[in-house]
C-alpha cells in the first residue's frame, strides 16, 4: 500500500472512532466514496 493511502486510512479510522461517525460521514469529510472508506477501513 502506498504511503499516502496508509496515512489516509489511519486518519479515516481515527475520525470514525473519535466522532462515532459513519462510513458516509467519513467519506464526506475526506471527499472520497463510501466504497473507498468501507474497503480501506472496514475490511
PDB file of N, CA and C in Angstrom:
ATOM      1  N   UNK A   1       0.846  -1.168   0.000  1.00  0.00           N
ATOM      2  CA  UNK A   1       0.000   0.000   0.000  1.00  0.00           C
ATOM      3  C   UNK A   1       0.892   1.232   0.000  1.00  0.00           C
ATOM      4  N   UNK A   2       0.525   2.215  -0.775  1.00  0.00           N
ATOM      5  CA  UNK A   2       1.334   3.417  -0.860  1.00  0.00           C
ATOM      6  C   UNK A   2       1.201   4.234   0.417  1.00  0.00           C
ATOM      7  N   UNK A   3       2.240   5.014   0.708  1.00  0.00           N
ATOM      8  CA  UNK A   3       2.299   5.765   1.967  1.00  0.00           C
ATOM      9  C   UNK A   3       1.110   6.688   2.160  1.00  0.00           C
ATOM     10  N   UNK A   4       0.719   7.424   1.120  1.00  0.00           N
ATOM     11  CA  UNK A   4      -0.375   8.374   1.288  1.00  0.00           C
ATOM     12  C   UNK A   4      -1.693   7.657   1.577  1.00  0.00           C
ATOM     13  N   UNK A   5      -1.858   6.458   1.055  1.00  0.00           N
ATOM     14  CA  UNK A   5      -3.075   5.694   1.335  1.00  0.00           C
ATOM     15  C   UNK A   5      -3.049   5.203   2.773  1.00  0.00           C
ATOM     16  N   UNK A   6      -1.918   4.719   3.227  1.00  0.00           N
ATOM     17  CA  UNK A   6      -1.788   4.257   4.612  1.00  0.00           C
ATOM     18  C   UNK A   6      -2.107   5.374   5.593  1.00  0.00           C
ATOM     19  N   UNK A   7      -1.600   6.560   5.320  1.00  0.00           N
ATOM     20  CA  UNK A   7      -1.858   7.706   6.189  1.00  0.00           C
ATOM     21  C   UNK A   7      -3.334   8.072   6.180  1.00  0.00           C
ATOM     22  N   UNK A   8      -3.953   8.034   5.009  1.00  0.00           N
ATOM     23  CA  UNK A   8      -5.374   8.365   4.897  1.00  0.00           C
ATOM     24  C   UNK A   8      -6.229   7.351   5.653  1.00  0.00           C
ATOM     25  N   UNK A   9      -5.868   6.075   5.558  1.00  0.00           N
ATOM     26  CA  UNK A   9      -6.625   5.025   6.251  1.00  0.00           C
ATOM     27  C   UNK A   9      -6.586   5.265   7.754  1.00  0.00           C
ATOM     28  N   UNK A  10      -5.437   5.611   8.282  1.00  0.00           N
ATOM     29  CA  UNK A  10      -5.311   5.885   9.716  1.00  0.00           C
ATOM     30  C   UNK A  10      -6.175   7.079  10.097  1.00  0.00           C
ATOM     31  N   UNK A  11      -6.123   8.138   9.300  1.00  0.00           N
ATOM     32  CA  UNK A  11      -6.924   9.332   9.589  1.00  0.00           C
ATOM     33  C   UNK A  11      -8.418   9.025   9.513  1.00  0.00           C
ATOM     34  N   UNK A  12      -8.824   8.222   8.534  1.00  0.00           N
ATOM     35  CA  UNK A  12     -10.234   7.851   8.416  1.00  0.00           C
ATOM     36  C   UNK A  12     -10.683   7.069   9.643  1.00  0.00           C
ATOM     37  N   UNK A  13      -9.885   6.107  10.051  1.00  0.00           N
ATOM     38  CA  UNK A  13     -10.216   5.308  11.222  1.00  0.00           C
ATOM     39  C   UNK A  13     -10.309   6.143  12.479  1.00  0.00           C
ATOM     40  N   UNK A  14      -9.347   7.033  12.666  1.00  0.00           N
ATOM     41  CA  UNK A  14      -9.370   7.919  13.824  1.00  0.00           C
ATOM     42  C   UNK A  14     -10.606   8.805  13.805  1.00  0.00           C
ATOM     43  N   UNK A  15     -10.953   9.319  12.643  1.00  0.00           N
ATOM     44  CA  UNK A  15     -12.137  10.168  12.506  1.00  0.00           C
ATOM     45  C   UNK A  15     -13.389   9.409  12.927  1.00  0.00           C
ATOM     46  N   UNK A  16     -13.536   8.189  12.439  1.00  0.00           N
ATOM     47  CA  UNK A  16     -14.724   7.390  12.750  1.00  0.00           C
ATOM     48  C   UNK A  16     -14.803   7.110  14.250  1.00  0.00           C
ATOM     49  N   UNK A  17     -13.683   6.750  14.863  1.00  0.00           N
ATOM     50  CA  UNK A  17     -13.677   6.428  16.293  1.00  0.00           C
ATOM     51  C   UNK A  17     -13.936   7.674  17.139  1.00  0.00           C
ATOM     52  N   UNK A  18     -13.261   8.768  16.829  1.00  0.00           N
ATOM     53  CA  UNK A  18     -13.369   9.976  17.647  1.00  0.00           C
ATOM     54  C   UNK A  18     -14.737  10.635  17.550  1.00  0.00           C
ATOM     55  N   UNK A  19     -15.383  10.545  16.393  1.00  0.00           N
ATOM     56  CA  UNK A  19     -16.668  11.218  16.205  1.00  0.00           C
ATOM     57  C   UNK A  19     -17.844  10.262  16.277  1.00  0.00           C
ATOM     58  N   UNK A  20     -17.567   8.982  16.483  1.00  0.00           N
ATOM     59  CA  UNK A  20     -18.612   7.942  16.396  1.00  0.00           C
ATOM     60  C   UNK A  20     -19.332   8.079  15.058  1.00  0.00           C
ATOM     61  N   UNK A  21     -18.553   8.399  14.054  1.00  0.00           N
ATOM     62  CA  UNK A  21     -19.097   8.663  12.730  1.00  0.00           C
ATOM     63  C   UNK A  21     -19.416   7.395  11.961  1.00  0.00           C
ATOM     64  N   UNK A  22     -19.981   7.609  10.811  1.00  0.00           N
ATOM     65  CA  UNK A  22     -20.349   6.516   9.919  1.00  0.00           C
ATOM     66  C   UNK A  22     -19.421   6.512   8.716  1.00  0.00           C
ATOM     67  N   UNK A  23     -19.542   5.468   7.933  1.00  0.00           N
ATOM     68  CA  UNK A  23     -18.783   5.402   6.683  1.00  0.00           C
ATOM     69  C   UNK A  23     -19.159   6.591   5.802  1.00  0.00           C
ATOM     70  N   UNK A  24     -20.436   6.908   5.778  1.00  0.00           N
ATOM     71  CA  UNK A  24     -20.917   8.028   4.963  1.00  0.00           C
ATOM     72  C   UNK A  24     -20.318   9.358   5.429  1.00  0.00           C
ATOM     73  N   UNK A  25     -20.267   9.595   6.734  1.00  0.00           N
ATOM     74  CA  UNK A  25     -19.721  10.859   7.232  1.00  0.00           C
ATOM     75  C   UNK A  25     -18.212  10.947   6.988  1.00  0.00           C
ATOM     76  N   UNK A  26     -17.518   9.825   7.118  1.00  0.00           N
ATOM     77  CA  UNK A  26     -16.078   9.814   6.835  1.00  0.00           C
ATOM     78  C   UNK A  26     -15.823  10.087   5.355  1.00  0.00           C
ATOM     79  N   UNK A  27     -16.637   9.503   4.506  1.00  0.00           N
ATOM     80  CA  UNK A  27     -16.490   9.736   3.068  1.00  0.00           C
ATOM     81  C   UNK A  27     -16.668  11.210   2.743  1.00  0.00           C
ATOM     82  N   UNK A  28     -17.651  11.829   3.347  1.00  0.00           N
ATOM     83  CA  UNK A  28     -17.889  13.253   3.105  1.00  0.00           C
ATOM     84  C   UNK A  28     -16.729  14.095   3.634  1.00  0.00           C
ATOM     85  N   UNK A  29     -16.236  13.758   4.804  1.00  0.00           N
ATOM     86  CA  UNK A  29     -15.135  14.508   5.429  1.00  0.00           C
ATOM     87  C   UNK A  29     -13.867  14.453   4.581  1.00  0.00           C
ATOM     88  N   UNK A  30     -13.574  13.294   3.992  1.00  0.00           N
ATOM     89  CA  UNK A  30     -12.340  13.111   3.242  1.00  0.00           C
ATOM     90  C   UNK A  30     -12.532  13.215   1.734  1.00  0.00           C
ATOM     91  N   UNK A  31     -13.744  13.546   1.308  1.00  0.00           N
ATOM     92  CA  UNK A  31     -14.065  13.717  -0.120  1.00  0.00           C
ATOM     93  C   UNK A  31     -13.709  12.493  -0.952  1.00  0.00           C
ATOM     94  N   UNK A  32     -14.108  11.338  -0.429  1.00  0.00           N
ATOM     95  CA  UNK A  32     -13.923  10.083  -1.153  1.00  0.00           C
ATOM     96  C   UNK A  32     -15.233   9.317  -1.114  1.00  0.00           C
ATOM     97  N   UNK A  33     -15.322   8.240  -1.855  1.00  0.00           N
ATOM     98  CA  UNK A  33     -16.570   7.488  -1.914  1.00  0.00           C
ATOM     99  C   UNK A  33     -16.757   6.611  -0.676  1.00  0.00           C
ATOM    100  N   UNK A  34     -18.008   6.278  -0.422  1.00  0.00           N
ATOM    101  CA  UNK A  34     -18.314   5.373   0.697  1.00  0.00           C
ATOM    102  C   UNK A  34     -17.654   4.023   0.478  1.00  0.00           C
ATOM    103  N   UNK A  35     -17.617   3.580  -0.766  1.00  0.00           N
ATOM    104  CA  UNK A  35     -16.995   2.297  -1.080  1.00  0.00           C
ATOM    105  C   UNK A  35     -15.515   2.300  -0.721  1.00  0.00           C
ATOM    106  N   UNK A  36     -14.856   3.400  -0.967  1.00  0.00           N
ATOM    107  CA  UNK A  36     -13.440   3.507  -0.651  1.00  0.00           C
ATOM    108  C   UNK A  36     -13.217   3.428   0.854  1.00  0.00           C
ATOM    109  N   UNK A  37     -14.017   4.160   1.620  1.00  0.00           N
ATOM    110  CA  UNK A  37     -13.884   4.113   3.082  1.00  0.00           C
ATOM    111  C   UNK A  37     -14.142   2.695   3.565  1.00  0.00           C
ATOM    112  N   UNK A  38     -15.180   2.084   3.083  1.00  0.00           N
ATOM    113  CA  UNK A  38     -15.532   0.747   3.527  1.00  0.00           C
ATOM    114  C   UNK A  38     -14.404  -0.235   3.207  1.00  0.00           C
ATOM    115  N   UNK A  39     -13.857  -0.152   2.022  1.00  0.00           N
ATOM    116  CA  UNK A  39     -12.785  -1.058   1.606  1.00  0.00           C
ATOM    117  C   UNK A  39     -11.526  -0.844   2.431  1.00  0.00           C
ATOM    118  N   UNK A  40     -11.168   0.408   2.658  1.00  0.00           N
ATOM    119  CA  UNK A  40      -9.918   0.705   3.351  1.00  0.00           C
ATOM    120  C   UNK A  40     -10.002   0.488   4.858  1.00  0.00           C
ATOM    121  N   UNK A  41     -11.079   0.897   5.475  1.00  0.00           N
ATOM    122  CA  UNK A  41     -11.145   0.911   6.931  1.00  0.00           C
ATOM    123  C   UNK A  41     -11.817  -0.341   7.488  1.00  0.00           C
ATOM    124  N   UNK A  42     -12.909  -0.723   6.916  1.00  0.00           N
ATOM    125  CA  UNK A  42     -13.702  -1.805   7.484  1.00  0.00           C
ATOM    126  C   UNK A  42     -13.073  -3.165   7.195  1.00  0.00           C
ATOM    127  N   UNK A  43     -12.570  -3.350   6.012  1.00  0.00           N
ATOM    128  CA  UNK A  43     -12.003  -4.652   5.658  1.00  0.00           C
ATOM    129  C   UNK A  43     -10.611  -4.747   6.114  1.00  0.00           C
TER     130      UNK A  43
END
